[in-house]
Amino acid sequence: MGGVECAAIGTDFDGISGNLQIASPNDMPKLFESLAVSGFTADEIEHIAWKNTCRVIKDVFPE
């Protein structure tokens, strides 16, 4: 019941530790490169990365 038009990625690195592949926001390109290798298109990755979040904010807080 969803898909790339519904998913959004956020970062919350407060209070986590360990040997993480994505240890900070600077590592987020690793995730997006992995999504591309898995077959996601550039447009789908943009929706997951930020477009869906922007759409929801605009829907919830119209000008």
PDB file of N, CA and C in Angstrom:
ATOM      1  N   MET A   1       0.824  -1.185   0.000  1.00  0.00           N
ATOM      2  CA  MET A   1       0.000   0.000   0.000  1.00  0.00           C
ATOM      3  C   MET A   1       0.865   1.245   0.000  1.00  0.00           C
ATOM      4  N   GLY A   2       1.795   1.351  -0.783  1.00  0.00           N
ATOM      5  CA  GLY A   2       2.646   2.524  -0.779  1.00  0.00           C
ATOM      6  C   GLY A   2       3.640   2.418  -1.901  1.00  0.00           C
ATOM      7  N   GLY A   3       4.781   2.853  -1.659  1.00  0.00           N
ATOM      8  CA  GLY A   3       5.843   2.812  -2.645  1.00  0.00           C
ATOM      9  C   GLY A   3       6.688   4.046  -2.553  1.00  0.00           C
ATOM     10  N   VAL A   4       7.377   4.352  -3.639  1.00  0.00           N
ATOM     11  CA  VAL A   4       8.312   5.475  -3.611  1.00  0.00           C
ATOM     12  C   VAL A   4       7.622   6.807  -3.446  1.00  0.00           C
ATOM     13  N   GLU A   5       6.317   6.881  -3.637  1.00  0.00           N
ATOM     14  CA  GLU A   5       5.579   8.127  -3.418  1.00  0.00           C
ATOM     15  C   GLU A   5       5.219   8.315  -1.945  1.00  0.00           C
ATOM     16  N   CYS A   6       5.497   7.298  -1.120  1.00  0.00           N
ATOM     17  CA  CYS A   6       5.130   7.361   0.300  1.00  0.00           C
ATOM     18  C   CYS A   6       6.335   7.346   1.225  1.00  0.00           C
ATOM     19  N   ALA A   7       7.419   6.755   0.808  1.00  0.00           N
ATOM     20  CA  ALA A   7       8.584   6.595   1.671  1.00  0.00           C
ATOM     21  C   ALA A   7       9.407   7.871   1.732  1.00  0.00           C
ATOM     22  N   ALA A   8      10.031   8.085   2.887  1.00  0.00           N
ATOM     23  CA  ALA A   8      10.944   9.216   3.055  1.00  0.00           C
ATOM     24  C   ALA A   8      12.039   8.812   4.035  1.00  0.00           C
ATOM     25  N   ILE A   9      13.231   9.291   3.770  1.00  0.00           N
ATOM     26  CA  ILE A   9      14.377   8.983   4.617  1.00  0.00           C
ATOM     27  C   ILE A   9      14.670  10.182   5.513  1.00  0.00           C
ATOM     28  N   GLY A  10      14.860   9.913   6.767  1.00  0.00           N
ATOM     29  CA  GLY A  10      15.271  10.946   7.694  1.00  0.00           C
ATOM     30  C   GLY A  10      16.513  10.485   8.426  1.00  0.00           C
ATOM     31  N   THR A  11      17.188  11.402   9.070  1.00  0.00           N
ATOM     32  CA  THR A  11      18.369  11.029   9.840  1.00  0.00           C
ATOM     33  C   THR A  11      18.180  11.460  11.278  1.00  0.00           C
ATOM     34  N   ASP A  12      18.573  10.593  12.157  1.00  0.00           N
ATOM     35  CA  ASP A  12      18.536  10.889  13.586  1.00  0.00           C
ATOM     36  C   ASP A  12      19.710  10.144  14.202  1.00  0.00           C
ATOM     37  N   PHE A  13      20.823  10.813  14.291  1.00  0.00           N
ATOM     38  CA  PHE A  13      22.033  10.168  14.771  1.00  0.00           C
ATOM     39  C   PHE A  13      22.316  10.455  16.241  1.00  0.00           C
ATOM     40  N   ASP A  14      21.371  11.068  16.940  1.00  0.00           N
ATOM     41  CA  ASP A  14      21.557  11.343  18.361  1.00  0.00           C
ATOM     42  C   ASP A  14      21.442  10.057  19.164  1.00  0.00           C
ATOM     43  N   GLY A  15      22.479   9.752  19.907  1.00  0.00           N
ATOM     44  CA  GLY A  15      22.402   8.637  20.841  1.00  0.00           C
ATOM     45  C   GLY A  15      22.657   7.269  20.254  1.00  0.00           C
ATOM     46  N   ILE A  16      23.133   7.189  19.012  1.00  0.00           N
ATOM     47  CA  ILE A  16      23.452   5.873  18.469  1.00  0.00           C
ATOM     48  C   ILE A  16      24.958   5.736  18.381  1.00  0.00           C
ATOM     49  N   SER A  17      25.405   4.506  18.453  1.00  0.00           N
ATOM     50  CA  SER A  17      26.831   4.255  18.335  1.00  0.00           C
ATOM     51  C   SER A  17      27.022   2.872  17.739  1.00  0.00           C
ATOM     52  N   GLY A  18      28.241   2.563  17.429  1.00  0.00           N
ATOM     53  CA  GLY A  18      28.549   1.260  16.876  1.00  0.00           C
ATOM     54  C   GLY A  18      29.298   1.402  15.569  1.00  0.00           C
ATOM     55  N   ASN A  19      29.551   0.293  14.949  1.00  0.00           N
ATOM     56  CA  ASN A  19      30.240   0.259  13.667  1.00  0.00           C
ATOM     57  C   ASN A  19      29.185   0.365  12.564  1.00  0.00           C
ATOM     58  N   LEU A  20      28.800   1.582  12.252  1.00  0.00           N
ATOM     59  CA  LEU A  20      27.691   1.833  11.331  1.00  0.00           C
ATOM     60  C   LEU A  20      28.203   2.135   9.934  1.00  0.00           C
ATOM     61  N   GLN A  21      27.524   1.607   8.922  1.00  0.00           N
ATOM     62  CA  GLN A  21      27.886   1.931   7.545  1.00  0.00           C
ATOM     63  C   GLN A  21      27.510   3.373   7.212  1.00  0.00           C
ATOM     64  N   ILE A  22      26.428   3.849   7.800  1.00  0.00           N
ATOM     65  CA  ILE A  22      26.011   5.240   7.643  1.00  0.00           C
ATOM     66  C   ILE A  22      26.038   5.847   9.040  1.00  0.00           C
ATOM     67  N   ALA A  23      27.164   6.490   9.357  1.00  0.00           N
ATOM     68  CA  ALA A  23      27.392   6.973  10.718  1.00  0.00           C
ATOM     69  C   ALA A  23      27.051   8.443  10.891  1.00  0.00           C
ATOM     70  N   SER A  24      26.812   9.141   9.779  1.00  0.00           N
ATOM     71  CA  SER A  24      26.481  10.558   9.859  1.00  0.00           C
ATOM     72  C   SER A  24      25.750  10.948   8.575  1.00  0.00           C
ATOM     73  N   PRO A  25      25.149  12.121   8.555  1.00  0.00           N
ATOM     74  CA  PRO A  25      24.486  12.573   7.319  1.00  0.00           C
ATOM     75  C   PRO A  25      25.440  12.629   6.120  1.00  0.00           C
ATOM     76  N   ASN A  26      26.726  12.779   6.372  1.00  0.00           N
ATOM     77  CA  ASN A  26      27.699  12.812   5.277  1.00  0.00           C
ATOM     78  C   ASN A  26      27.781  11.483   4.534  1.00  0.00           C
ATOM     79  N   ASP A  27      27.310  10.414   5.160  1.00  0.00           N
ATOM     80  CA  ASP A  27      27.353   9.091   4.549  1.00  0.00           C
ATOM     81  C   ASP A  27      26.095   8.736   3.766  1.00  0.00           C
ATOM     82  N   MET A  28      25.108   9.619   3.749  1.00  0.00           N
ATOM     83  CA  MET A  28      23.845   9.305   3.071  1.00  0.00           C
ATOM     84  C   MET A  28      24.012   8.973   1.587  1.00  0.00           C
ATOM     85  N   PRO A  29      24.987   9.545   0.870  1.00  0.00           N
ATOM     86  CA  PRO A  29      25.164   9.135  -0.525  1.00  0.00           C
ATOM     87  C   PRO A  29      25.378   7.629  -0.697  1.00  0.00           C
ATOM     88  N   LYS A  30      25.947   6.984   0.313  1.00  0.00           N
ATOM     89  CA  LYS A  30      26.109   5.526   0.251  1.00  0.00           C
ATOM     90  C   LYS A  30      24.758   4.836   0.099  1.00  0.00           C
ATOM     91  N   LEU A  31      23.773   5.314   0.850  1.00  0.00           N
ATOM     92  CA  LEU A  31      22.435   4.732   0.780  1.00  0.00           C
ATOM     93  C   LEU A  31      21.831   4.947  -0.601  1.00  0.00           C
ATOM     94  N   PHE A  32      21.943   6.166  -1.111  1.00  0.00           N
ATOM     95  CA  PHE A  32      21.339   6.475  -2.396  1.00  0.00           C
ATOM     96  C   PHE A  32      22.043   5.746  -3.539  1.00  0.00           C
ATOM     97  N   GLU A  33      23.352   5.566  -3.442  1.00  0.00           N
ATOM     98  CA  GLU A  33      24.078   4.776  -4.437  1.00  0.00           C
ATOM     99  C   GLU A  33      23.616   3.323  -4.395  1.00  0.00           C
ATOM    100  N   SER A  34      23.394   2.818  -3.208  1.00  0.00           N
ATOM    101  CA  SER A  34      22.924   1.441  -3.050  1.00  0.00           C
ATOM    102  C   SER A  34      21.522   1.267  -3.635  1.00  0.00           C
ATOM    103  N   LEU A  35      20.667   2.271  -3.440  1.00  0.00           N
ATOM    104  CA  LEU A  35      19.329   2.208  -4.036  1.00  0.00           C
ATOM    105  C   LEU A  35      19.421   2.195  -5.563  1.00  0.00           C
ATOM    106  N   ALA A  36      20.327   2.987  -6.124  1.00  0.00           N
ATOM    107  CA  ALA A  36      20.508   3.019  -7.580  1.00  0.00           C
ATOM    108  C   ALA A  36      20.988   1.667  -8.099  1.00  0.00           C
ATOM    109  N   VAL A  37      21.936   1.068  -7.408  1.00  0.00           N
ATOM    110  CA  VAL A  37      22.438  -0.252  -7.802  1.00  0.00           C
ATOM    111  C   VAL A  37      21.323  -1.296  -7.724  1.00  0.00           C
ATOM    112  N   SER A  38      20.401  -1.101  -6.788  1.00  0.00           N
ATOM    113  CA  SER A  38      19.283  -2.043  -6.616  1.00  0.00           C
ATOM    114  C   SER A  38      18.181  -1.839  -7.646  1.00  0.00           C
ATOM    115  N   GLY A  39      18.312  -0.805  -8.502  1.00  0.00           N
ATOM    116  CA  GLY A  39      17.350  -0.622  -9.573  1.00  0.00           C
ATOM    117  C   GLY A  39      16.414   0.553  -9.442  1.00  0.00           C
ATOM    118  N   PHE A  40      16.548   1.341  -8.394  1.00  0.00           N
ATOM    119  CA  PHE A  40      15.714   2.532  -8.259  1.00  0.00           C
ATOM    120  C   PHE A  40      16.185   3.590  -9.255  1.00  0.00           C
ATOM    121  N   THR A  41      15.248   4.297  -9.844  1.00  0.00           N
ATOM    122  CA  THR A  41      15.603   5.363 -10.774  1.00  0.00           C
ATOM    123  C   THR A  41      16.018   6.609  -9.989  1.00  0.00           C
ATOM    124  N   ALA A  42      16.657   7.547 -10.687  1.00  0.00           N
ATOM    125  CA  ALA A  42      17.060   8.802 -10.039  1.00  0.00           C
ATOM    126  C   ALA A  42      15.843   9.536  -9.488  1.00  0.00           C
ATOM    127  N   ASP A  43      14.740   9.537 -10.228  1.00  0.00           N
ATOM    128  CA  ASP A  43      13.520  10.216  -9.767  1.00  0.00           C
ATOM    129  C   ASP A  43      12.957   9.536  -8.519  1.00  0.00           C
ATOM    130  N   GLU A  44      12.961   8.218  -8.485  1.00  0.00           N
ATOM    131  CA  GLU A  44      12.473   7.492  -7.307  1.00  0.00           C
ATOM    132  C   GLU A  44      13.340   7.805  -6.084  1.00  0.00           C
ATOM    133  N   ILE A  45      14.651   7.858  -6.284  1.00  0.00           N
ATOM    134  CA  ILE A  45      15.557   8.161  -5.178  1.00  0.00           C
ATOM    135  C   ILE A  45      15.333   9.576  -4.675  1.00  0.00           C
ATOM    136  N   GLU A  46      15.107  10.526  -5.576  1.00  0.00           N
ATOM    137  CA  GLU A  46      14.817  11.897  -5.149  1.00  0.00           C
ATOM    138  C   GLU A  46      13.535  11.961  -4.327  1.00  0.00           C
ATOM    139  N   HIS A  47      12.517  11.188  -4.715  1.00  0.00           N
ATOM    140  CA  HIS A  47      11.283  11.171  -3.924  1.00  0.00           C
ATOM    141  C   HIS A  47      11.556  10.656  -2.515  1.00  0.00           C
ATOM    142  N   ILE A  48      12.300   9.571  -2.425  1.00  0.00           N
ATOM    143  CA  ILE A  48      12.616   8.992  -1.119  1.00  0.00           C
ATOM    144  C   ILE A  48      13.508   9.934  -0.314  1.00  0.00           C
ATOM    145  N   ALA A  49      14.449  10.599  -0.979  1.00  0.00           N
ATOM    146  CA  ALA A  49      15.432  11.436  -0.289  1.00  0.00           C
ATOM    147  C   ALA A  49      14.836  12.734   0.239  1.00  0.00           C
ATOM    148  N   TRP A  50      13.935  13.371  -0.550  1.00  0.00           N
ATOM    149  CA  TRP A  50      13.448  14.670  -0.079  1.00  0.00           C
ATOM    150  C   TRP A  50      12.107  15.112  -0.657  1.00  0.00           C
ATOM    151  N   LYS A  51      11.758  14.688  -1.854  1.00  0.00           N
ATOM    152  CA  LYS A  51      10.540  15.208  -2.477  1.00  0.00           C
ATOM    153  C   LYS A  51       9.281  14.834  -1.711  1.00  0.00           C
ATOM    154  N   ASN A  52       9.199  13.620  -1.201  1.00  0.00           N
ATOM    155  CA  ASN A  52       8.003  13.218  -0.457  1.00  0.00           C
ATOM    156  C   ASN A  52       7.847  14.032   0.818  1.00  0.00           C
ATOM    157  N   THR A  53       8.952  14.289   1.498  1.00  0.00           N
ATOM    158  CA  THR A  53       8.897  15.101   2.717  1.00  0.00           C
ATOM    159  C   THR A  53       8.423  16.509   2.400  1.00  0.00           C
ATOM    160  N   CYS A  54       8.956  17.102   1.335  1.00  0.00           N
ATOM    161  CA  CYS A  54       8.527  18.457   0.949  1.00  0.00           C
ATOM    162  C   CYS A  54       7.043  18.492   0.608  1.00  0.00           C
ATOM    163  N   ARG A  55       6.572  17.467  -0.077  1.00  0.00           N
ATOM    164  CA  ARG A  55       5.151  17.416  -0.441  1.00  0.00           C
ATOM    165  C   ARG A  55       4.278  17.374   0.805  1.00  0.00           C
ATOM    166  N   VAL A  56       4.642  16.551   1.763  1.00  0.00           N
ATOM    167  CA  VAL A  56       3.846  16.432   2.988  1.00  0.00           C
ATOM    168  C   VAL A  56       3.861  17.745   3.757  1.00  0.00           C
ATOM    169  N   ILE A  57       5.009  18.385   3.866  1.00  0.00           N
ATOM    170  CA  ILE A  57       5.083  19.667   4.578  1.00  0.00           C
ATOM    171  C   ILE A  57       4.186  20.693   3.900  1.00  0.00           C
ATOM    172  N   LYS A  58       4.224  20.742   2.575  1.00  0.00           N
ATOM    173  CA  LYS A  58       3.369  21.697   1.851  1.00  0.00           C
ATOM    174  C   LYS A  58       1.884  21.376   2.033  1.00  0.00           C
ATOM    175  N   ASP A  59       1.552  20.079   2.084  1.00  0.00           N
ATOM    176  CA  ASP A  59       0.153  19.688   2.281  1.00  0.00           C
ATOM    177  C   ASP A  59      -0.340  20.046   3.692  1.00  0.00           C
ATOM    178  N   VAL A  60       0.520  19.866   4.670  1.00  0.00           N
ATOM    179  CA  VAL A  60       0.146  20.092   6.064  1.00  0.00           C
ATOM    180  C   VAL A  60       0.173  21.583   6.426  1.00  0.00           C
ATOM    181  N   PHE A  61       1.127  22.290   5.860  1.00  0.00           N
ATOM    182  CA  PHE A  61       1.290  23.711   6.149  1.00  0.00           C
ATOM    183  C   PHE A  61       1.176  24.544   4.868  1.00  0.00           C
ATOM    184  N   PRO A  62      -0.024  24.634   4.307  1.00  0.00           N
ATOM    185  CA  PRO A  62      -0.167  25.411   3.067  1.00  0.00           C
ATOM    186  C   PRO A  62       0.123  26.892   3.322  1.00  0.00           C
ATOM    187  N   GLU A  63       0.548  27.556   2.283  1.00  0.00           N
ATOM    188  CA  GLU A  63       0.869  28.996   2.419  1.00  0.00           C
ATOM    189  C   GLU A  63      -0.373  29.825   2.581  1.00  0.00           C
TER     190      GLU A  63
END
